[in-house]
Amino acid sequence: MTLNDKLTAMLGARIDRWQQTQKPRRTGLTEQEVKILEHISTGKSNKLIAHELGITEGTVKVHVKHLLKKST
C-alpha cells in the first residue's frame, strides 16, 4: 500500500504546520514517526521508506496508521 497523492499532500501540509510550530517531542511523536513523516513529505513510497530505514514495509504502515490517528 502506498499513499495516494491527496493523502500525501494532506500529510505534507500537516508536517509543514507542525515543523513551524512545535518540536517533535512536544507533539507526542516518536523519533521513528518523525523520520517516517520526513520521508512521506518527500513523496517516497512505504517500500522505499522501509528500505531506507531498515525496517519492514508493514512497520512503516503501522507508523503511518499511528500518525494519522495522532493528526486528528
Protein backbone atom coordinates (compact mmCIF):
# COMPACT_ATOMS: atom_id res chain seq x y z
CA MET A 1 0.00 0.00 0.00
CA THR A 2 1.32 3.42 -0.93
CA LEU A 3 -0.13 6.77 -0.07
CA ASN A 4 -2.19 8.39 -2.78
CA ASP A 5 -1.42 11.94 -3.92
CA LYS A 6 -4.24 13.53 -1.92
CA LEU A 7 -3.21 11.85 1.34
CA THR A 8 0.46 12.66 0.72
CA ALA A 9 -0.46 16.32 0.20
CA MET A 10 -2.53 16.37 3.39
CA LEU A 11 0.27 14.83 5.43
CA GLY A 12 2.79 17.19 3.84
CA ALA A 13 0.69 20.21 4.81
CA ARG A 14 0.39 18.95 8.37
CA ILE A 15 4.13 18.34 8.52
CA ASP A 16 4.79 21.90 7.39
CA ARG A 17 2.48 23.31 10.07
CA TRP A 18 3.96 21.03 12.69
CA GLN A 19 7.55 21.98 11.82
CA GLN A 20 6.68 25.65 12.03
CA THR A 21 5.03 25.46 15.43
CA GLN A 22 6.40 22.63 17.55
CA LYS A 23 9.30 20.36 18.29
CA PRO A 24 8.80 16.59 17.77
CA ARG A 25 8.88 15.65 21.47
CA ARG A 26 6.18 18.18 22.29
CA THR A 27 3.79 16.75 19.72
CA GLY A 28 3.87 13.25 21.13
CA LEU A 29 5.57 11.79 18.05
CA THR A 30 8.26 9.18 18.40
CA GLU A 31 11.62 9.64 16.70
CA GLN A 32 10.69 6.92 14.21
CA GLU A 33 7.38 8.63 13.41
CA VAL A 34 9.23 11.87 12.75
CA LYS A 35 11.66 10.08 10.41
CA ILE A 36 8.77 8.46 8.55
CA LEU A 37 6.95 11.79 8.24
CA GLU A 38 10.06 13.35 6.76
CA HIS A 39 10.23 10.58 4.16
CA ILE A 40 6.50 10.83 3.43
CA SER A 41 6.84 14.56 2.89
CA THR A 42 9.25 13.88 0.02
CA GLY A 43 6.73 11.55 -1.65
CA LYS A 44 8.54 8.27 -1.00
CA SER A 45 6.62 5.00 -1.06
CA ASN A 46 6.22 2.83 2.02
CA LYS A 47 8.52 0.27 0.42
CA LEU A 48 11.28 2.82 -0.17
CA ILE A 49 10.88 4.28 3.33
CA ALA A 50 11.18 0.79 4.80
CA HIS A 51 14.31 0.07 2.79
CA GLU A 52 15.97 3.37 3.74
CA LEU A 53 15.15 3.00 7.44
CA GLY A 54 15.98 -0.71 7.61
CA ILE A 55 12.51 -1.76 8.74
CA THR A 56 9.71 -3.75 7.14
CA GLU A 57 7.04 -2.20 4.96
CA GLY A 58 4.46 -3.46 7.47
CA THR A 59 6.19 -1.48 10.22
CA VAL A 60 6.03 1.65 8.09
CA LYS A 61 2.30 1.09 7.60
CA VAL A 62 1.79 0.77 11.37
CA HIS A 63 3.64 4.05 11.94
CA VAL A 64 1.58 5.78 9.24
CA LYS A 65 -1.59 4.49 10.90
CA HIS A 66 -0.43 5.93 14.24
CA LEU A 67 0.47 9.23 12.59
CA LEU A 68 -2.96 9.51 11.03
CA LYS A 69 -4.60 8.87 14.41
CA LYS A 70 -2.41 11.49 16.07
CA SER A 71 -3.13 14.08 13.39
CA THR A 72 -6.82 14.32 14.22
